[in-house]
All heavy atoms as atom14 arrays in JSON, in Angstrom:
{
  "sequence": "TPALILLAPYLSQTLFTDPRTYYPLIAIAPVVPIIAVSSVLRGYFQG",
  "atom14_mask": [
    [1, 1, 1, 1, 1, 1, 1, 0, 0, 0, 0, 0, 0, 0],
    [1, 1, 1, 1, 1, 1, 1, 0, 0, 0, 0, 0, 0, 0],
    [1, 1, 1, 1, 1, 0, 0, 0, 0, 0, 0, 0, 0, 0],
    [1, 1, 1, 1, 1, 1, 1, 1, 0, 0, 0, 0, 0, 0],
    [1, 1, 1, 1, 1, 1, 1, 1, 0, 0, 0, 0, 0, 0],
    [1, 1, 1, 1, 1, 1, 1, 1, 0, 0, 0, 0, 0, 0],
    [1, 1, 1, 1, 1, 1, 1, 1, 0, 0, 0, 0, 0, 0],
    [1, 1, 1, 1, 1, 0, 0, 0, 0, 0, 0, 0, 0, 0],
    [1, 1, 1, 1, 1, 1, 1, 0, 0, 0, 0, 0, 0, 0],
    [1, 1, 1, 1, 1, 1, 1, 1, 1, 1, 1, 1, 0, 0],
    [1, 1, 1, 1, 1, 1, 1, 1, 0, 0, 0, 0, 0, 0],
    [1, 1, 1, 1, 1, 1, 0, 0, 0, 0, 0, 0, 0, 0],
    [1, 1, 1, 1, 1, 1, 1, 1, 1, 0, 0, 0, 0, 0],
    [1, 1, 1, 1, 1, 1, 1, 0, 0, 0, 0, 0, 0, 0],
    [1, 1, 1, 1, 1, 1, 1, 1, 0, 0, 0, 0, 0, 0],
    [1, 1, 1, 1, 1, 1, 1, 1, 1, 1, 1, 0, 0, 0],
    [1, 1, 1, 1, 1, 1, 1, 0, 0, 0, 0, 0, 0, 0],
    [1, 1, 1, 1, 1, 1, 1, 1, 0, 0, 0, 0, 0, 0],
    [1, 1, 1, 1, 1, 1, 1, 0, 0, 0, 0, 0, 0, 0],
    [1, 1, 1, 1, 1, 1, 1, 1, 1, 1, 1, 0, 0, 0],
    [1, 1, 1, 1, 1, 1, 1, 0, 0, 0, 0, 0, 0, 0],
    [1, 1, 1, 1, 1, 1, 1, 1, 1, 1, 1, 1, 0, 0],
    [1, 1, 1, 1, 1, 1, 1, 1, 1, 1, 1, 1, 0, 0],
    [1, 1, 1, 1, 1, 1, 1, 0, 0, 0, 0, 0, 0, 0],
    [1, 1, 1, 1, 1, 1, 1, 1, 0, 0, 0, 0, 0, 0],
    [1, 1, 1, 1, 1, 1, 1, 1, 0, 0, 0, 0, 0, 0],
    [1, 1, 1, 1, 1, 0, 0, 0, 0, 0, 0, 0, 0, 0],
    [1, 1, 1, 1, 1, 1, 1, 1, 0, 0, 0, 0, 0, 0],
    [1, 1, 1, 1, 1, 0, 0, 0, 0, 0, 0, 0, 0, 0],
    [1, 1, 1, 1, 1, 1, 1, 0, 0, 0, 0, 0, 0, 0],
    [1, 1, 1, 1, 1, 1, 1, 0, 0, 0, 0, 0, 0, 0],
    [1, 1, 1, 1, 1, 1, 1, 0, 0, 0, 0, 0, 0, 0],
    [1, 1, 1, 1, 1, 1, 1, 0, 0, 0, 0, 0, 0, 0],
    [1, 1, 1, 1, 1, 1, 1, 1, 0, 0, 0, 0, 0, 0],
    [1, 1, 1, 1, 1, 1, 1, 1, 0, 0, 0, 0, 0, 0],
    [1, 1, 1, 1, 1, 0, 0, 0, 0, 0, 0, 0, 0, 0],
    [1, 1, 1, 1, 1, 1, 1, 0, 0, 0, 0, 0, 0, 0],
    [1, 1, 1, 1, 1, 1, 0, 0, 0, 0, 0, 0, 0, 0],
    [1, 1, 1, 1, 1, 1, 0, 0, 0, 0, 0, 0, 0, 0],
    [1, 1, 1, 1, 1, 1, 1, 0, 0, 0, 0, 0, 0, 0],
    [1, 1, 1, 1, 1, 1, 1, 1, 0, 0, 0, 0, 0, 0],
    [1, 1, 1, 1, 1, 1, 1, 1, 1, 1, 1, 0, 0, 0],
    [1, 1, 1, 1, 0, 0, 0, 0, 0, 0, 0, 0, 0, 0],
    [1, 1, 1, 1, 1, 1, 1, 1, 1, 1, 1, 1, 0, 0],
    [1, 1, 1, 1, 1, 1, 1, 1, 1, 1, 1, 0, 0, 0],
    [1, 1, 1, 1, 1, 1, 1, 1, 1, 0, 0, 0, 0, 0],
    [1, 1, 1, 1, 0, 0, 0, 0, 0, 0, 0, 0, 0, 0]
  ],
  "atom14_positions": [
    [[4.82, 29.37, -55.74], [6.12, 29.09, -55.14], [7.02, 30.33, -55.11], [7.54, 30.7, -54.04], [6.83, 27.93, -55.86], [5.98, 26.78, -55.84], [8.14, 27.59, -55.18], [0.0, 0.0, 0.0], [0.0, 0.0, 0.0], [0.0, 0.0, 0.0], [0.0, 0.0, 0.0], [0.0, 0.0, 0.0], [0.0, 0.0, 0.0], [0.0, 0.0, 0.0]],
    [[7.21, 31.03, -56.24], [7.99, 32.28, -56.17], [7.33, 33.33, -55.29], [8.03, 34.12, -54.62], [8.05, 32.74, -57.64], [7.74, 31.54, -58.44], [6.81, 30.71, -57.62], [0.0, 0.0, 0.0], [0.0, 0.0, 0.0], [0.0, 0.0, 0.0], [0.0, 0.0, 0.0], [0.0, 0.0, 0.0], [0.0, 0.0, 0.0], [0.0, 0.0, 0.0]],
    [[5.99, 33.36, -55.29], [5.29, 34.36, -54.46], [5.6, 34.15, -52.99], [5.82, 35.13, -52.24], [3.78, 34.27, -54.7], [0.0, 0.0, 0.0], [0.0, 0.0, 0.0], [0.0, 0.0, 0.0], [0.0, 0.0, 0.0], [0.0, 0.0, 0.0], [0.0, 0.0, 0.0], [0.0, 0.0, 0.0], [0.0, 0.0, 0.0], [0.0, 0.0, 0.0]],
    [[5.64, 32.9, -52.55], [5.96, 32.6, -51.15], [7.38, 33.06, -50.81], [7.62, 33.64, -49.74], [5.81, 31.1, -50.89], [6.17, 30.61, -49.48], [5.32, 31.31, -48.43], [6.0, 29.1, -49.38], [0.0, 0.0, 0.0], [0.0, 0.0, 0.0], [0.0, 0.0, 0.0], [0.0, 0.0, 0.0], [0.0, 0.0, 0.0], [0.0, 0.0, 0.0]],
    [[8.31, 32.83, -51.72], [9.7, 33.23, -51.48], [9.82, 34.75, -51.41], [10.49, 35.29, -50.52], [10.61, 32.66, -52.59], [10.63, 31.12, -52.52], [12.03, 33.21, -52.46], [11.32, 30.45, -53.69], [0.0, 0.0, 0.0], [0.0, 0.0, 0.0], [0.0, 0.0, 0.0], [0.0, 0.0, 0.0], [0.0, 0.0, 0.0], [0.0, 0.0, 0.0]],
    [[9.14, 35.43, -52.32], [9.23, 36.9, -52.36], [8.54, 37.56, -51.15], [8.97, 38.61, -50.68], [8.6, 37.42, -53.66], [9.36, 37.08, -54.95], [8.56, 37.49, -56.18], [10.74, 37.73, -54.97], [0.0, 0.0, 0.0], [0.0, 0.0, 0.0], [0.0, 0.0, 0.0], [0.0, 0.0, 0.0], [0.0, 0.0, 0.0], [0.0, 0.0, 0.0]],
    [[7.47, 36.93, -50.66], [6.73, 37.51, -49.53], [7.3, 37.11, -48.17], [6.84, 37.62, -47.15], [5.26, 37.08, -49.62], [4.41, 37.74, -50.72], [3.05, 37.07, -50.8], [4.25, 39.23, -50.45], [0.0, 0.0, 0.0], [0.0, 0.0, 0.0], [0.0, 0.0, 0.0], [0.0, 0.0, 0.0], [0.0, 0.0, 0.0], [0.0, 0.0, 0.0]],
    [[8.25, 36.19, -48.16], [8.79, 35.68, -46.89], [9.3, 36.79, -45.97], [9.01, 36.77, -44.76], [9.88, 34.64, -47.15], [0.0, 0.0, 0.0], [0.0, 0.0, 0.0], [0.0, 0.0, 0.0], [0.0, 0.0, 0.0], [0.0, 0.0, 0.0], [0.0, 0.0, 0.0], [0.0, 0.0, 0.0], [0.0, 0.0, 0.0], [0.0, 0.0, 0.0]],
    [[10.06, 37.79, -46.46], [10.53, 38.84, -45.55], [9.39, 39.62, -44.89], [9.43, 39.9, -43.69], [11.36, 39.76, -46.47], [11.77, 38.88, -47.6], [10.64, 37.94, -47.81], [0.0, 0.0, 0.0], [0.0, 0.0, 0.0], [0.0, 0.0, 0.0], [0.0, 0.0, 0.0], [0.0, 0.0, 0.0], [0.0, 0.0, 0.0], [0.0, 0.0, 0.0]],
    [[8.36, 39.95, -45.69], [7.22, 40.69, -45.14], [6.45, 39.85, -44.12], [6.08, 40.33, -43.04], [6.28, 41.12, -46.27], [4.98, 41.72, -45.78], [4.94, 43.02, -45.29], [3.8, 40.98, -45.8], [3.75, 43.58, -44.83], [2.61, 41.52, -45.36], [2.59, 42.82, -44.86], [1.42, 43.35, -44.41], [0.0, 0.0, 0.0], [0.0, 0.0, 0.0]],
    [[6.21, 38.58, -44.46], [5.47, 37.7, -43.55], [6.19, 37.55, -42.21], [5.57, 37.63, -41.15], [5.28, 36.32, -44.2], [4.34, 36.25, -45.42], [4.43, 34.88, -46.06], [2.91, 36.56, -45.01], [0.0, 0.0, 0.0], [0.0, 0.0, 0.0], [0.0, 0.0, 0.0], [0.0, 0.0, 0.0], [0.0, 0.0, 0.0], [0.0, 0.0, 0.0]],
    [[7.49, 37.32, -42.28], [8.25, 37.03, -41.05], [8.38, 38.26, -40.16], [8.23, 38.16, -38.93], [9.63, 36.48, -41.4], [10.36, 37.41, -42.18], [0.0, 0.0, 0.0], [0.0, 0.0, 0.0], [0.0, 0.0, 0.0], [0.0, 0.0, 0.0], [0.0, 0.0, 0.0], [0.0, 0.0, 0.0], [0.0, 0.0, 0.0], [0.0, 0.0, 0.0]],
    [[8.63, 39.41, -40.74], [8.91, 40.61, -39.94], [7.65, 41.35, -39.51], [7.58, 41.87, -38.4], [9.81, 41.55, -40.74], [11.2, 40.98, -41.0], [12.05, 41.89, -41.87], [11.76, 43.07, -41.98], [13.09, 41.34, -42.49], [0.0, 0.0, 0.0], [0.0, 0.0, 0.0], [0.0, 0.0, 0.0], [0.0, 0.0, 0.0], [0.0, 0.0, 0.0]],
    [[6.63, 41.39, -40.37], [5.45, 42.21, -40.09], [4.31, 41.4, -39.48], [3.77, 41.76, -38.43], [4.98, 42.9, -41.37], [6.05, 43.64, -41.94], [3.81, 43.85, -41.07], [0.0, 0.0, 0.0], [0.0, 0.0, 0.0], [0.0, 0.0, 0.0], [0.0, 0.0, 0.0], [0.0, 0.0, 0.0], [0.0, 0.0, 0.0], [0.0, 0.0, 0.0]],
    [[3.94, 40.3, -40.14], [2.76, 39.56, -39.69], [3.07, 38.63, -38.52], [2.31, 38.55, -37.57], [2.17, 38.76, -40.86], [1.6, 39.61, -42.01], [0.96, 38.71, -43.06], [0.57, 40.61, -41.5], [0.0, 0.0, 0.0], [0.0, 0.0, 0.0], [0.0, 0.0, 0.0], [0.0, 0.0, 0.0], [0.0, 0.0, 0.0], [0.0, 0.0, 0.0]],
    [[4.18, 37.9, -38.6], [4.5, 36.96, -37.53], [5.23, 37.61, -36.36], [5.39, 36.99, -35.31], [5.35, 35.79, -38.06], [4.61, 34.9, -39.02], [5.18, 34.56, -40.23], [3.36, 34.42, -38.72], [4.51, 33.75, -41.12], [2.67, 33.6, -39.6], [3.25, 33.27, -40.81], [0.0, 0.0, 0.0], [0.0, 0.0, 0.0], [0.0, 0.0, 0.0]],
    [[5.68, 38.84, -36.54], [6.4, 39.62, -35.51], [7.63, 38.87, -34.98], [8.06, 39.12, -33.86], [5.48, 40.0, -34.34], [5.1, 38.83, -33.61], [4.25, 40.76, -34.81], [0.0, 0.0, 0.0], [0.0, 0.0, 0.0], [0.0, 0.0, 0.0], [0.0, 0.0, 0.0], [0.0, 0.0, 0.0], [0.0, 0.0, 0.0], [0.0, 0.0, 0.0]],
    [[8.16, 37.94, -35.78], [9.37, 37.21, -35.38], [10.2, 36.97, -36.64], [9.89, 36.06, -37.42], [9.03, 35.89, -34.7], [10.24, 35.27, -33.99], [11.38, 35.53, -34.44], [10.04, 34.54, -33.01], [0.0, 0.0, 0.0], [0.0, 0.0, 0.0], [0.0, 0.0, 0.0], [0.0, 0.0, 0.0], [0.0, 0.0, 0.0], [0.0, 0.0, 0.0]],
    [[11.25, 37.78, -36.9], [12.03, 37.67, -38.14], [12.65, 36.29, -38.36], [12.99, 35.94, -39.49], [13.13, 38.73, -37.96], [12.59, 39.68, -36.95], [11.74, 38.86, -36.02], [0.0, 0.0, 0.0], [0.0, 0.0, 0.0], [0.0, 0.0, 0.0], [0.0, 0.0, 0.0], [0.0, 0.0, 0.0], [0.0, 0.0, 0.0], [0.0, 0.0, 0.0]],
    [[12.78, 35.5, -37.3], [13.41, 34.19, -37.43], [12.57, 33.22, -38.26], [13.07, 32.17, -38.7], [13.68, 33.6, -36.05], [14.71, 34.39, -35.24], [14.82, 33.84, -33.83], [13.54, 33.93, -33.13], [13.31, 33.39, -31.94], [14.27, 32.74, -31.31], [12.13, 33.51, -31.36], [0.0, 0.0, 0.0], [0.0, 0.0, 0.0], [0.0, 0.0, 0.0]],
    [[11.27, 33.51, -38.46], [10.43, 32.62, -39.27], [10.77, 32.7, -40.76], [10.27, 31.89, -41.55], [8.94, 32.98, -39.08], [8.75, 34.37, -39.38], [8.49, 32.71, -37.66], [0.0, 0.0, 0.0], [0.0, 0.0, 0.0], [0.0, 0.0, 0.0], [0.0, 0.0, 0.0], [0.0, 0.0, 0.0], [0.0, 0.0, 0.0], [0.0, 0.0, 0.0]],
    [[11.64, 33.63, -41.15], [12.01, 33.79, -42.56], [12.65, 32.51, -43.11], [12.3, 32.06, -44.22], [12.98, 34.97, -42.71], [13.59, 35.09, -44.08], [12.87, 35.65, -45.13], [14.89, 34.64, -44.34], [13.43, 35.77, -46.41], [15.46, 34.75, -45.6], [14.72, 35.31, -46.63], [15.28, 35.41, -47.88], [0.0, 0.0, 0.0], [0.0, 0.0, 0.0]],
    [[13.55, 31.92, -42.36], [14.29, 30.76, -42.87], [13.41, 29.52, -43.06], [13.5, 28.85, -44.1], [15.47, 30.45, -41.94], [16.45, 31.61, -41.87], [16.42, 32.5, -40.8], [17.37, 31.84, -42.88], [17.29, 33.58, -40.74], [18.25, 32.91, -42.84], [18.2, 33.79, -41.76], [19.06, 34.85, -41.71], [0.0, 0.0, 0.0], [0.0, 0.0, 0.0]],
    [[12.52, 29.18, -42.11], [11.6, 28.07, -42.38], [10.67, 28.34, -43.56], [10.33, 27.41, -44.31], [10.8, 27.95, -41.07], [11.68, 28.54, -40.03], [12.44, 29.62, -40.71], [0.0, 0.0, 0.0], [0.0, 0.0, 0.0], [0.0, 0.0, 0.0], [0.0, 0.0, 0.0], [0.0, 0.0, 0.0], [0.0, 0.0, 0.0], [0.0, 0.0, 0.0]],
    [[10.25, 29.61, -43.76], [9.39, 29.94, -44.9], [10.1, 29.67, -46.22], [9.51, 29.09, -47.15], [8.98, 31.42, -44.82], [7.83, 31.79, -43.89], [7.73, 33.3, -43.74], [6.51, 31.21, -44.38], [0.0, 0.0, 0.0], [0.0, 0.0, 0.0], [0.0, 0.0, 0.0], [0.0, 0.0, 0.0], [0.0, 0.0, 0.0], [0.0, 0.0, 0.0]],
    [[11.34, 30.08, -46.32], [12.11, 29.85, -47.55], [12.35, 28.36, -47.77], [12.26, 27.84, -48.9], [13.46, 30.6, -47.48], [13.24, 32.11, -47.5], [14.37, 30.18, -48.62], [12.63, 32.63, -48.77], [0.0, 0.0, 0.0], [0.0, 0.0, 0.0], [0.0, 0.0, 0.0], [0.0, 0.0, 0.0], [0.0, 0.0, 0.0], [0.0, 0.0, 0.0]],
    [[12.61, 27.65, -46.68], [12.95, 26.22, -46.8], [11.79, 25.38, -47.3], [11.99, 24.38, -48.0], [13.44, 25.69, -45.44], [0.0, 0.0, 0.0], [0.0, 0.0, 0.0], [0.0, 0.0, 0.0], [0.0, 0.0, 0.0], [0.0, 0.0, 0.0], [0.0, 0.0, 0.0], [0.0, 0.0, 0.0], [0.0, 0.0, 0.0], [0.0, 0.0, 0.0]],
    [[10.54, 25.78, -46.95], [9.38, 24.95, -47.29], [8.88, 25.22, -48.7], [8.13, 24.41, -49.27], [8.24, 25.17, -46.27], [7.26, 23.99, -46.29], [7.49, 26.48, -46.55], [7.86, 22.68, -45.86], [0.0, 0.0, 0.0], [0.0, 0.0, 0.0], [0.0, 0.0, 0.0], [0.0, 0.0, 0.0], [0.0, 0.0, 0.0], [0.0, 0.0, 0.0]],
    [[9.28, 26.32, -49.34], [8.74, 26.71, -50.64], [8.86, 25.63, -51.72], [7.9, 25.42, -52.48], [9.39, 28.02, -51.1], [0.0, 0.0, 0.0], [0.0, 0.0, 0.0], [0.0, 0.0, 0.0], [0.0, 0.0, 0.0], [0.0, 0.0, 0.0], [0.0, 0.0, 0.0], [0.0, 0.0, 0.0], [0.0, 0.0, 0.0], [0.0, 0.0, 0.0]],
    [[9.99, 24.92, -51.86], [10.11, 23.95, -52.96], [9.14, 22.78, -52.89], [8.98, 22.05, -53.89], [11.56, 23.45, -52.82], [12.27, 24.5, -52.05], [11.26, 25.08, -51.12], [0.0, 0.0, 0.0], [0.0, 0.0, 0.0], [0.0, 0.0, 0.0], [0.0, 0.0, 0.0], [0.0, 0.0, 0.0], [0.0, 0.0, 0.0], [0.0, 0.0, 0.0]],
    [[8.48, 22.57, -51.74], [7.59, 21.42, -51.62], [6.27, 21.64, -52.35], [5.54, 20.69, -52.65], [7.32, 21.09, -50.13], [6.21, 21.96, -49.55], [6.96, 19.62, -49.95], [0.0, 0.0, 0.0], [0.0, 0.0, 0.0], [0.0, 0.0, 0.0], [0.0, 0.0, 0.0], [0.0, 0.0, 0.0], [0.0, 0.0, 0.0], [0.0, 0.0, 0.0]],
    [[5.94, 22.89, -52.68], [4.63, 23.21, -53.26], [4.39, 22.48, -54.58], [3.37, 21.8, -54.74], [4.45, 24.74, -53.41], [3.14, 25.06, -54.12], [4.48, 25.41, -52.04], [0.0, 0.0, 0.0], [0.0, 0.0, 0.0], [0.0, 0.0, 0.0], [0.0, 0.0, 0.0], [0.0, 0.0, 0.0], [0.0, 0.0, 0.0], [0.0, 0.0, 0.0]],
    [[5.28, 22.58, -55.59], [5.04, 21.84, -56.84], [5.06, 20.33, -56.67], [4.37, 19.61, -57.4], [6.17, 22.32, -57.77], [7.23, 22.85, -56.86], [6.51, 23.41, -55.68], [0.0, 0.0, 0.0], [0.0, 0.0, 0.0], [0.0, 0.0, 0.0], [0.0, 0.0, 0.0], [0.0, 0.0, 0.0], [0.0, 0.0, 0.0], [0.0, 0.0, 0.0]],
    [[5.83, 19.86, -55.7], [5.89, 18.41, -55.46], [4.54, 17.9, -54.98], [4.0, 16.91, -55.5], [7.0, 18.08, -54.43], [8.37, 18.47, -54.97], [6.96, 16.6, -54.06], [9.49, 18.37, -53.95], [0.0, 0.0, 0.0], [0.0, 0.0, 0.0], [0.0, 0.0, 0.0], [0.0, 0.0, 0.0], [0.0, 0.0, 0.0], [0.0, 0.0, 0.0]],
    [[3.97, 18.58, -53.99], [2.66, 18.17, -53.47], [1.57, 18.38, -54.52], [0.6, 17.62, -54.58], [2.35, 18.94, -52.18], [3.29, 18.49, -51.06], [0.9, 18.75, -51.76], [3.06, 19.16, -49.73], [0.0, 0.0, 0.0], [0.0, 0.0, 0.0], [0.0, 0.0, 0.0], [0.0, 0.0, 0.0], [0.0, 0.0, 0.0], [0.0, 0.0, 0.0]],
    [[1.72, 19.39, -55.38], [0.73, 19.65, -56.43], [0.56, 18.43, -57.33], [-0.56, 18.02, -57.66], [1.16, 20.86, -57.25], [0.0, 0.0, 0.0], [0.0, 0.0, 0.0], [0.0, 0.0, 0.0], [0.0, 0.0, 0.0], [0.0, 0.0, 0.0], [0.0, 0.0, 0.0], [0.0, 0.0, 0.0], [0.0, 0.0, 0.0], [0.0, 0.0, 0.0]],
    [[1.67, 17.82, -57.73], [1.62, 16.65, -58.61], [1.18, 15.4, -57.84], [0.33, 14.63, -58.31], [2.99, 16.4, -59.27], [2.96, 15.14, -60.14], [3.39, 17.61, -60.13], [0.0, 0.0, 0.0], [0.0, 0.0, 0.0], [0.0, 0.0, 0.0], [0.0, 0.0, 0.0], [0.0, 0.0, 0.0], [0.0, 0.0, 0.0], [0.0, 0.0, 0.0]],
    [[1.72, 15.2, -56.64], [1.39, 13.98, -55.88], [-0.09, 13.95, -55.5], [-0.71, 12.88, -55.44], [2.27, 13.88, -54.63], [2.02, 14.94, -53.74], [0.0, 0.0, 0.0], [0.0, 0.0, 0.0], [0.0, 0.0, 0.0], [0.0, 0.0, 0.0], [0.0, 0.0, 0.0], [0.0, 0.0, 0.0], [0.0, 0.0, 0.0], [0.0, 0.0, 0.0]],
    [[-0.7, 15.11, -55.24], [-2.12, 15.13, -54.86], [-3.0, 14.7, -56.03], [-4.04, 14.05, -55.82], [-2.51, 16.53, -54.39], [-2.4, 17.47, -55.44], [0.0, 0.0, 0.0], [0.0, 0.0, 0.0], [0.0, 0.0, 0.0], [0.0, 0.0, 0.0], [0.0, 0.0, 0.0], [0.0, 0.0, 0.0], [0.0, 0.0, 0.0], [0.0, 0.0, 0.0]],
    [[-2.59, 15.04, -57.25], [-3.36, 14.6, -58.43], [-3.28, 13.08, -58.57], [-4.3, 12.41, -58.83], [-2.82, 15.28, -59.7], [-3.46, 14.68, -60.95], [-3.09, 16.78, -59.65], [0.0, 0.0, 0.0], [0.0, 0.0, 0.0], [0.0, 0.0, 0.0], [0.0, 0.0, 0.0], [0.0, 0.0, 0.0], [0.0, 0.0, 0.0], [0.0, 0.0, 0.0]],
    [[-2.1, 12.51, -58.38], [-1.94, 11.06, -58.49], [-2.7, 10.33, -57.39], [-3.3, 9.28, -57.63], [-0.45, 10.7, -58.45], [0.39, 11.19, -59.63], [1.85, 10.82, -59.45], [-0.14, 10.62, -60.95], [0.0, 0.0, 0.0], [0.0, 0.0, 0.0], [0.0, 0.0, 0.0], [0.0, 0.0, 0.0], [0.0, 0.0, 0.0], [0.0, 0.0, 0.0]],
    [[-2.69, 10.9, -56.17], [-3.48, 10.28, -55.1], [-4.97, 10.3, -55.42], [-5.69, 9.33, -55.17], [-3.2, 10.99, -53.77], [-1.83, 10.68, -53.17], [-1.75, 11.13, -51.72], [-0.46, 10.77, -51.14], [0.57, 11.61, -51.0], [0.44, 12.88, -51.39], [1.71, 11.2, -50.49], [0.0, 0.0, 0.0], [0.0, 0.0, 0.0], [0.0, 0.0, 0.0]],
    [[-5.44, 11.43, -55.95], [-6.84, 11.51, -56.34], [-7.2, 10.49, -57.4], [-8.29, 9.9, -57.37], [0.0, 0.0, 0.0], [0.0, 0.0, 0.0], [0.0, 0.0, 0.0], [0.0, 0.0, 0.0], [0.0, 0.0, 0.0], [0.0, 0.0, 0.0], [0.0, 0.0, 0.0], [0.0, 0.0, 0.0], [0.0, 0.0, 0.0], [0.0, 0.0, 0.0]],
    [[-6.28, 10.24, -58.34], [-6.49, 9.24, -59.38], [-6.67, 7.84, -58.78], [-7.62, 7.13, -59.1], [-5.31, 9.26, -60.35], [-5.2, 8.05, -61.24], [-6.03, 7.9, -62.34], [-4.27, 7.05, -60.97], [-5.93, 6.78, -63.16], [-4.16, 5.94, -61.78], [-5.0, 5.8, -62.87], [-4.9, 4.69, -63.68], [0.0, 0.0, 0.0], [0.0, 0.0, 0.0]],
    [[-5.74, 7.45, -57.89], [-5.82, 6.12, -57.3], [-7.06, 5.98, -56.4], [-7.71, 4.94, -56.38], [-4.56, 5.82, -56.49], [-3.35, 5.52, -57.35], [-2.23, 6.33, -57.31], [-3.35, 4.43, -58.19], [-1.12, 6.06, -58.09], [-2.24, 4.13, -58.98], [-1.12, 4.96, -58.94], [0.0, 0.0, 0.0], [0.0, 0.0, 0.0], [0.0, 0.0, 0.0]],
    [[-7.4, 7.03, -55.65], [-8.58, 6.97, -54.78], [-9.86, 6.88, -55.6], [-10.8, 6.18, -55.21], [-8.6, 8.2, -53.87], [-7.52, 8.17, -52.8], [-7.26, 9.51, -52.17], [-7.96, 10.49, -52.44], [-6.22, 9.6, -51.35], [0.0, 0.0, 0.0], [0.0, 0.0, 0.0], [0.0, 0.0, 0.0], [0.0, 0.0, 0.0], [0.0, 0.0, 0.0]],
    [[-9.89, 7.57, -56.75], [-11.06, 7.48, -57.62], [-11.27, 6.07, -58.15], [-12.41, 5.63, -58.34], [0.0, 0.0, 0.0], [0.0, 0.0, 0.0], [0.0, 0.0, 0.0], [0.0, 0.0, 0.0], [0.0, 0.0, 0.0], [0.0, 0.0, 0.0], [0.0, 0.0, 0.0], [0.0, 0.0, 0.0], [0.0, 0.0, 0.0], [0.0, 0.0, 0.0]]
  ]
}
């Protein structure tokens, strides 16, 4: 999660060639730990 936030400027300006992608990149970062836990619980119920 912190890695995504720290790399957002490089990703948006250099790789995506569109600096405007910086804001969506920052906005989506907090979802990573949430999905990490929910995926484990889904795997439990599916098992």
